[in-house]
């Protein structure tokens, strides 16, 4: 089976939230994850990792072999690559660090779209993420985080990382808040003028360096890039 071609990809900076940036890929065709499932026991852990893939795209979950409340306690029977079947009750998507724990290398969570419409969240090997960013995201750099759950993240080339920028933004707005509290007291937000509060409004990370801030509407991003 040949996986669908990647038509475009970009980093969504999650300007409204403190979340890490997301890698978004737009595919020219559907992802298909047919059974059977692969299963591997995670060393020194009660859980096993289950996964299926379409080319470099992986869907997965972890499960300890007994019912839990993951996926709302979803009960289903899955086929495994060794020819057996297994009844699974629950299971957790967890995060891609499960692959590294199972000895399969570093993975990163991405969001896949099919022709501009959201398809699924899945995991990609780190080397594939690096290839996609190099090909489609010339204004983006990959940086190490030192975290098992998210070994790499993204930043705008030549700029601070989003985490560093948010820390500075927090310091800036804290200083403005302190000034207005000193002037107006505890009701500073109600009593201060719109002009005084304007610098207090946080600026979007995607707009630093004179860039045009990114759209907040995830569902609209691809259509704005001419991919609808």
C-alpha atoms as a PDB file:
ATOM      1  CA  UNK A   1       0.000   0.000   0.000  1.00  0.00           C
ATOM      2  CA  UNK A   2       1.363   3.399  -1.000  1.00  0.00           C
ATOM      3  CA  UNK A   3       0.727   6.170   1.560  1.00  0.00           C
ATOM      4  CA  UNK A   4      -0.861   9.398   0.283  1.00  0.00           C
ATOM      5  CA  UNK A   5       1.410  12.153  -0.978  1.00  0.00           C
ATOM      6  CA  UNK A   6       2.001  15.158   1.263  1.00  0.00           C
ATOM      7  CA  UNK A   7       0.701  18.225  -0.564  1.00  0.00           C
ATOM      8  CA  UNK A   8       1.785  20.774   2.018  1.00  0.00           C
ATOM      9  CA  UNK A   9       2.748  21.134   5.660  1.00  0.00           C
ATOM     10  CA  UNK A  10       3.159  23.971   8.124  1.00  0.00           C
ATOM     11  CA  UNK A  11       3.546  24.635  11.838  1.00  0.00           C
ATOM     12  CA  UNK A  12       0.448  25.863  13.664  1.00  0.00           C
ATOM     13  CA  UNK A  13       1.689  28.030  16.535  1.00  0.00           C
ATOM     14  CA  UNK A  14      -1.332  27.764  18.872  1.00  0.00           C
ATOM     15  CA  UNK A  15      -1.269  31.499  19.511  1.00  0.00           C
ATOM     16  CA  UNK A  16      -4.355  31.415  21.726  1.00  0.00           C
ATOM     17  CA  UNK A  17      -2.895  28.919  24.148  1.00  0.00           C
ATOM     18  CA  UNK A  18       0.298  27.931  25.903  1.00  0.00           C
ATOM     19  CA  UNK A  19       0.372  24.651  23.970  1.00  0.00           C
ATOM     20  CA  UNK A  20       3.445  23.675  22.024  1.00  0.00           C
ATOM     21  CA  UNK A  21       3.335  24.297  18.262  1.00  0.00           C
ATOM     22  CA  UNK A  22       1.741  21.558  16.120  1.00  0.00           C
ATOM     23  CA  UNK A  23       2.937  20.183  12.809  1.00  0.00           C
ATOM     24  CA  UNK A  24       0.044  20.053  10.332  1.00  0.00           C
ATOM     25  CA  UNK A  25       0.280  18.023   7.114  1.00  0.00           C
ATOM     26  CA  UNK A  26      -2.148  18.107   4.214  1.00  0.00           C
ATOM     27  CA  UNK A  27      -2.460  14.864   2.228  1.00  0.00           C
ATOM     28  CA  UNK A  28      -3.666  14.334  -1.328  1.00  0.00           C
ATOM     29  CA  UNK A  29      -5.488  11.136  -0.370  1.00  0.00           C
ATOM     30  CA  UNK A  30      -6.884   9.262   2.630  1.00  0.00           C
ATOM     31  CA  UNK A  31      -4.841   7.528   5.295  1.00  0.00           C
ATOM     32  CA  UNK A  32      -5.692   3.858   5.695  1.00  0.00           C
ATOM     33  CA  UNK A  33      -4.755   1.821   8.734  1.00  0.00           C
ATOM     34  CA  UNK A  34      -5.939  -1.726   8.030  1.00  0.00           C
ATOM     35  CA  UNK A  35      -5.629  -4.535  10.520  1.00  0.00           C
ATOM     36  CA  UNK A  36      -3.736  -6.407  11.816  1.00  0.00           C
ATOM     37  CA  UNK A  37      -2.278  -4.508  14.740  1.00  0.00           C
ATOM     38  CA  UNK A  38       1.340  -4.824  15.795  1.00  0.00           C
ATOM     39  CA  UNK A  39       1.902  -5.342  19.531  1.00  0.00           C
ATOM     40  CA  UNK A  40       5.051  -5.020  21.621  1.00  0.00           C
ATOM     41  CA  UNK A  41       5.475  -5.144  25.392  1.00  0.00           C
ATOM     42  CA  UNK A  42       6.968  -1.973  26.851  1.00  0.00           C
ATOM     43  CA  UNK A  43       9.962  -2.976  29.036  1.00  0.00           C
ATOM     44  CA  UNK A  44       9.604  -2.346  32.794  1.00  0.00           C
ATOM     45  CA  UNK A  45       5.953  -1.372  32.325  1.00  0.00           C
ATOM     46  CA  UNK A  46       2.569  -3.065  32.643  1.00  0.00           C
ATOM     47  CA  UNK A  47       1.477  -1.763  29.251  1.00  0.00           C
ATOM     48  CA  UNK A  48       1.921  -2.956  25.696  1.00  0.00           C
ATOM     49  CA  UNK A  49       2.054  -0.692  22.658  1.00  0.00           C
ATOM     50  CA  UNK A  50      -0.332  -1.435  19.781  1.00  0.00           C
ATOM     51  CA  UNK A  51       0.056   0.265  16.428  1.00  0.00           C
ATOM     52  CA  UNK A  52      -0.888   0.268  12.745  1.00  0.00           C
ATOM     53  CA  UNK A  53       0.717   2.398  10.060  1.00  0.00           C
ATOM     54  CA  UNK A  54       0.228   3.768   6.577  1.00  0.00           C
ATOM     55  CA  UNK A  55       3.747   4.494   5.374  1.00  0.00           C
ATOM     56  CA  UNK A  56       5.353   6.755   8.013  1.00  0.00           C
ATOM     57  CA  UNK A  57       2.008   7.615   9.678  1.00  0.00           C
ATOM     58  CA  UNK A  58       1.179   5.637  12.832  1.00  0.00           C
ATOM     59  CA  UNK A  59      -1.981   5.302  14.908  1.00  0.00           C
ATOM     60  CA  UNK A  60      -1.505   3.658  18.265  1.00  0.00           C
ATOM     61  CA  UNK A  61      -2.629   3.070  21.827  1.00  0.00           C
ATOM     62  CA  UNK A  62      -1.235   1.496  24.987  1.00  0.00           C
ATOM     63  CA  UNK A  63      -3.084  -1.017  27.137  1.00  0.00           C
ATOM     64  CA  UNK A  64      -2.243  -3.033  30.251  1.00  0.00           C
ATOM     65  CA  UNK A  65      -4.355  -6.056  29.310  1.00  0.00           C
ATOM     66  CA  UNK A  66      -7.246  -5.367  31.659  1.00  0.00           C
ATOM     67  CA  UNK A  67     -10.336  -3.143  31.330  1.00  0.00           C
ATOM     68  CA  UNK A  68      -9.851   0.558  31.975  1.00  0.00           C
ATOM     69  CA  UNK A  69     -11.753   3.762  31.187  1.00  0.00           C
ATOM     70  CA  UNK A  70      -9.653   4.863  28.238  1.00  0.00           C
ATOM     71  CA  UNK A  71     -11.687   5.796  25.151  1.00  0.00           C
ATOM     72  CA  UNK A  72     -14.718   5.724  27.458  1.00  0.00           C
ATOM     73  CA  UNK A  73     -14.210   2.021  28.174  1.00  0.00           C
ATOM     74  CA  UNK A  74     -14.555   1.175  24.481  1.00  0.00           C
ATOM     75  CA  UNK A  75     -14.790  -2.601  23.974  1.00  0.00           C
ATOM     76  CA  UNK A  76     -13.584  -4.011  20.643  1.00  0.00           C
ATOM     77  CA  UNK A  77     -11.881  -7.106  19.248  1.00  0.00           C
ATOM     78  CA  UNK A  78      -8.712  -6.501  17.279  1.00  0.00           C
ATOM     79  CA  UNK A  79      -6.648  -8.788  15.076  1.00  0.00           C
ATOM     80  CA  UNK A  80      -2.925  -9.046  15.753  1.00  0.00           C
ATOM     81  CA  UNK A  81      -0.145  -9.667  13.253  1.00  0.00           C
ATOM     82  CA  UNK A  82       0.543 -13.103  14.762  1.00  0.00           C
ATOM     83  CA  UNK A  83      -2.911 -14.261  13.648  1.00  0.00           C
ATOM     84  CA  UNK A  84      -4.618 -14.112  17.041  1.00  0.00           C
ATOM     85  CA  UNK A  85      -7.424 -11.817  18.197  1.00  0.00           C
ATOM     86  CA  UNK A  86      -7.611  -9.829  21.406  1.00  0.00           C
ATOM     87  CA  UNK A  87     -10.529  -8.171  23.139  1.00  0.00           C
ATOM     88  CA  UNK A  88      -9.493  -4.716  24.283  1.00  0.00           C
ATOM     89  CA  UNK A  89     -11.522  -2.688  26.774  1.00  0.00           C
ATOM     90  CA  UNK A  90     -10.267   0.885  27.029  1.00  0.00           C
ATOM     91  CA  UNK A  91      -6.650   1.689  26.253  1.00  0.00           C
ATOM     92  CA  UNK A  92      -4.987   5.083  26.087  1.00  0.00           C
ATOM     93  CA  UNK A  93      -3.526   7.087  23.244  1.00  0.00           C
ATOM     94  CA  UNK A  94      -0.911   8.386  25.709  1.00  0.00           C
ATOM     95  CA  UNK A  95       1.792  10.211  23.724  1.00  0.00           C
ATOM     96  CA  UNK A  96       4.424   9.186  21.174  1.00  0.00           C
ATOM     97  CA  UNK A  97       7.027   8.645  23.917  1.00  0.00           C
ATOM     98  CA  UNK A  98       5.499   5.155  24.154  1.00  0.00           C
ATOM     99  CA  UNK A  99       7.331   4.270  20.931  1.00  0.00           C
ATOM    100  CA  UNK A 100      10.692   5.240  22.400  1.00  0.00           C
ATOM    101  CA  UNK A 101       9.884   3.334  25.596  1.00  0.00           C
ATOM    102  CA  UNK A 102       9.145   0.293  23.422  1.00  0.00           C
ATOM    103  CA  UNK A 103      12.516   0.656  21.669  1.00  0.00           C
ATOM    104  CA  UNK A 104      11.158   2.043  18.397  1.00  0.00           C
ATOM    105  CA  UNK A 105      12.795   5.486  18.345  1.00  0.00           C
ATOM    106  CA  UNK A 106      11.472   9.017  18.686  1.00  0.00           C
ATOM    107  CA  UNK A 107       8.057   9.947  17.323  1.00  0.00           C
ATOM    108  CA  UNK A 108       6.138  13.226  17.191  1.00  0.00           C
ATOM    109  CA  UNK A 109       2.374  13.782  17.222  1.00  0.00           C
ATOM    110  CA  UNK A 110       1.079  15.474  14.057  1.00  0.00           C
ATOM    111  CA  UNK A 111      -2.338  16.384  12.694  1.00  0.00           C
ATOM    112  CA  UNK A 112      -3.148  15.089   9.229  1.00  0.00           C
ATOM    113  CA  UNK A 113      -5.646  16.721   6.891  1.00  0.00           C
ATOM    114  CA  UNK A 114      -7.045  15.234   3.690  1.00  0.00           C
ATOM    115  CA  UNK A 115      -7.500  17.908   1.030  1.00  0.00           C
ATOM    116  CA  UNK A 116      -7.905  20.578   3.704  1.00  0.00           C
ATOM    117  CA  UNK A 117     -10.339  18.659   5.961  1.00  0.00           C
ATOM    118  CA  UNK A 118      -9.063  17.237   9.251  1.00  0.00           C
ATOM    119  CA  UNK A 119      -8.508  13.492   9.057  1.00  0.00           C
ATOM    120  CA  UNK A 120      -6.733  12.256  12.180  1.00  0.00           C
ATOM    121  CA  UNK A 121      -3.995  12.762  14.727  1.00  0.00           C
ATOM    122  CA  UNK A 122      -1.142  10.336  14.335  1.00  0.00           C
ATOM    123  CA  UNK A 123       2.562   9.881  15.050  1.00  0.00           C
ATOM    124  CA  UNK A 124       5.492  10.347  12.671  1.00  0.00           C
ATOM    125  CA  UNK A 125       9.113   9.227  13.138  1.00  0.00           C
ATOM    126  CA  UNK A 126      11.449  12.073  13.999  1.00  0.00           C
ATOM    127  CA  UNK A 127      13.443  11.715  10.772  1.00  0.00           C
ATOM    128  CA  UNK A 128      10.239  12.083   8.739  1.00  0.00           C
ATOM    129  CA  UNK A 129       9.264  15.194  10.711  1.00  0.00           C
ATOM    130  CA  UNK A 130      12.689  16.688   9.987  1.00  0.00           C
ATOM    131  CA  UNK A 131      12.319  15.921   6.268  1.00  0.00           C
ATOM    132  CA  UNK A 132       8.856  17.513   6.090  1.00  0.00           C
ATOM    133  CA  UNK A 133       9.943  20.660   7.925  1.00  0.00           C
ATOM    134  CA  UNK A 134      12.979  21.051   5.680  1.00  0.00           C
ATOM    135  CA  UNK A 135      10.846  20.665   2.553  1.00  0.00           C
ATOM    136  CA  UNK A 136       7.750  22.674   3.446  1.00  0.00           C
ATOM    137  CA  UNK A 137       8.629  25.027   6.334  1.00  0.00           C
ATOM    138  CA  UNK A 138      11.666  27.163   5.396  1.00  0.00           C
ATOM    139  CA  UNK A 139      10.900  29.708   8.144  1.00  0.00           C
ATOM    140  CA  UNK A 140      10.865  27.067  10.908  1.00  0.00           C
ATOM    141  CA  UNK A 141      13.656  25.543  12.998  1.00  0.00           C
ATOM    142  CA  UNK A 142      13.515  22.298  14.968  1.00  0.00           C
ATOM    143  CA  UNK A 143      14.850  22.520  18.521  1.00  0.00           C
ATOM    144  CA  UNK A 144      15.480  19.943  21.254  1.00  0.00           C
ATOM    145  CA  UNK A 145      13.339  20.050  24.392  1.00  0.00           C
ATOM    146  CA  UNK A 146      14.990  17.402  26.575  1.00  0.00           C
ATOM    147  CA  UNK A 147      11.532  15.945  27.292  1.00  0.00           C
ATOM    148  CA  UNK A 148      10.701  12.278  26.658  1.00  0.00           C
ATOM    149  CA  UNK A 149       7.059  13.068  25.860  1.00  0.00           C
ATOM    150  CA  UNK A 150       8.013  15.711  23.283  1.00  0.00           C
ATOM    151  CA  UNK A 151      11.697  15.446  22.343  1.00  0.00           C
ATOM    152  CA  UNK A 152      11.562  18.208  19.737  1.00  0.00           C
ATOM    153  CA  UNK A 153       9.475  21.268  19.034  1.00  0.00           C
ATOM    154  CA  UNK A 154       9.517  24.151  16.574  1.00  0.00           C
ATOM    155  CA  UNK A 155      10.373  27.829  16.560  1.00  0.00           C
ATOM    156  CA  UNK A 156      10.396  30.630  14.023  1.00  0.00           C
ATOM    157  CA  UNK A 157      13.804  30.842  12.401  1.00  0.00           C
ATOM    158  CA  UNK A 158      16.048  33.449  13.978  1.00  0.00           C
ATOM    159  CA  UNK A 159      13.590  34.149  16.810  1.00  0.00           C
ATOM    160  CA  UNK A 160      13.069  33.064  20.392  1.00  0.00           C
ATOM    161  CA  UNK A 161      11.255  29.801  20.968  1.00  0.00           C
ATOM    162  CA  UNK A 162       7.590  30.089  21.881  1.00  0.00           C
ATOM    163  CA  UNK A 163       8.412  29.061  25.466  1.00  0.00           C
ATOM    164  CA  UNK A 164      11.098  31.753  25.776  1.00  0.00           C
ATOM    165  CA  UNK A 165       8.838  34.347  24.170  1.00  0.00           C
ATOM    166  CA  UNK A 166       5.935  33.487  26.503  1.00  0.00           C
ATOM    167  CA  UNK A 167       8.214  33.948  29.507  1.00  0.00           C
ATOM    168  CA  UNK A 168       9.234  37.419  28.316  1.00  0.00           C
ATOM    169  CA  UNK A 169       5.615  38.280  27.473  1.00  0.00           C
ATOM    170  CA  UNK A 170       4.628  37.235  30.986  1.00  0.00           C
ATOM    171  CA  UNK A 171       7.263  39.513  32.484  1.00  0.00           C
ATOM    172  CA  UNK A 172       6.160  42.407  30.255  1.00  0.00           C
ATOM    173  CA  UNK A 173       2.453  42.084  31.089  1.00  0.00           C
ATOM    174  CA  UNK A 174       3.189  41.537  34.788  1.00  0.00           C
ATOM    175  CA  UNK A 175       5.052  44.856  34.848  1.00  0.00           C
ATOM    176  CA  UNK A 176       2.113  46.674  33.175  1.00  0.00           C
ATOM    177  CA  UNK A 177      -0.353  45.049  35.571  1.00  0.00           C
ATOM    178  CA  UNK A 178       1.750  46.188  38.548  1.00  0.00           C
ATOM    179  CA  UNK A 179       1.804  49.769  37.261  1.00  0.00           C
ATOM    180  CA  UNK A 180      -1.974  49.858  36.767  1.00  0.00           C
ATOM    181  CA  UNK A 181      -2.603  48.289  40.187  1.00  0.00           C
ATOM    182  CA  UNK A 182      -0.405  50.938  41.787  1.00  0.00           C
ATOM    183  CA  UNK A 183      -2.422  53.642  40.040  1.00  0.00           C
ATOM    184  CA  UNK A 184      -5.959  52.242  40.399  1.00  0.00           C
ATOM    185  CA  UNK A 185      -5.857  49.553  43.090  1.00  0.00           C
ATOM    186  CA  UNK A 186      -7.521  46.135  42.888  1.00  0.00           C
ATOM    187  CA  UNK A 187     -10.098  47.353  40.335  1.00  0.00           C
ATOM    188  CA  UNK A 188      -7.331  48.384  37.953  1.00  0.00           C
ATOM    189  CA  UNK A 189      -8.807  46.519  34.974  1.00  0.00           C
ATOM    190  CA  UNK A 190     -12.224  48.177  35.310  1.00  0.00           C
ATOM    191  CA  UNK A 191     -10.897  51.665  36.056  1.00  0.00           C
ATOM    192  CA  UNK A 192      -8.006  51.922  33.594  1.00  0.00           C
ATOM    193  CA  UNK A 193      -8.585  53.251  30.099  1.00  0.00           C
ATOM    194  CA  UNK A 194      -8.569  51.186  26.928  1.00  0.00           C
ATOM    195  CA  UNK A 195      -5.416  53.012  25.874  1.00  0.00           C
ATOM    196  CA  UNK A 196      -3.695  52.059  29.146  1.00  0.00           C
ATOM    197  CA  UNK A 197      -4.758  48.425  28.796  1.00  0.00           C
ATOM    198  CA  UNK A 198      -3.816  48.115  25.140  1.00  0.00           C
ATOM    199  CA  UNK A 199      -0.124  47.267  25.787  1.00  0.00           C
ATOM    200  CA  UNK A 200      -1.333  44.670  28.306  1.00  0.00           C
ATOM    201  CA  UNK A 201      -2.844  42.551  25.524  1.00  0.00           C
ATOM    202  CA  UNK A 202      -0.615  39.612  24.731  1.00  0.00           C
ATOM    203  CA  UNK A 203       0.809  39.534  21.228  1.00  0.00           C
ATOM    204  CA  UNK A 204       0.734  36.389  19.066  1.00  0.00           C
ATOM    205  CA  UNK A 205       3.978  34.447  18.770  1.00  0.00           C
ATOM    206  CA  UNK A 206       3.353  33.910  15.063  1.00  0.00           C
ATOM    207  CA  UNK A 207       3.435  37.695  14.543  1.00  0.00           C
ATOM    208  CA  UNK A 208       6.891  38.399  15.936  1.00  0.00           C
ATOM    209  CA  UNK A 209       9.569  39.791  13.679  1.00  0.00           C
ATOM    210  CA  UNK A 210       7.002  41.705  11.626  1.00  0.00           C
ATOM    211  CA  UNK A 211       5.246  38.545  10.414  1.00  0.00           C
ATOM    212  CA  UNK A 212       1.514  38.402   9.720  1.00  0.00           C
ATOM    213  CA  UNK A 213      -0.122  36.659  12.707  1.00  0.00           C
ATOM    214  CA  UNK A 214      -1.499  33.219  11.932  1.00  0.00           C
ATOM    215  CA  UNK A 215      -5.220  32.516  11.834  1.00  0.00           C
ATOM    216  CA  UNK A 216      -6.741  31.264  15.080  1.00  0.00           C
ATOM    217  CA  UNK A 217      -9.208  29.039  13.239  1.00  0.00           C
ATOM    218  CA  UNK A 218      -7.506  25.689  12.650  1.00  0.00           C
ATOM    219  CA  UNK A 219     -10.261  24.559  10.265  1.00  0.00           C
ATOM    220  CA  UNK A 220      -9.684  27.624   8.080  1.00  0.00           C
ATOM    221  CA  UNK A 221      -5.913  27.484   7.857  1.00  0.00           C
ATOM    222  CA  UNK A 222      -5.605  25.294   4.788  1.00  0.00           C
ATOM    223  CA  UNK A 223      -8.319  27.167   2.857  1.00  0.00           C
ATOM    224  CA  UNK A 224      -6.435  30.387   3.579  1.00  0.00           C
ATOM    225  CA  UNK A 225      -3.358  28.770   2.053  1.00  0.00           C
ATOM    226  CA  UNK A 226      -5.316  27.865  -1.089  1.00  0.00           C
ATOM    227  CA  UNK A 227      -5.665  24.199  -0.201  1.00  0.00           C
ATOM    228  CA  UNK A 228      -9.418  23.856   0.269  1.00  0.00           C
END
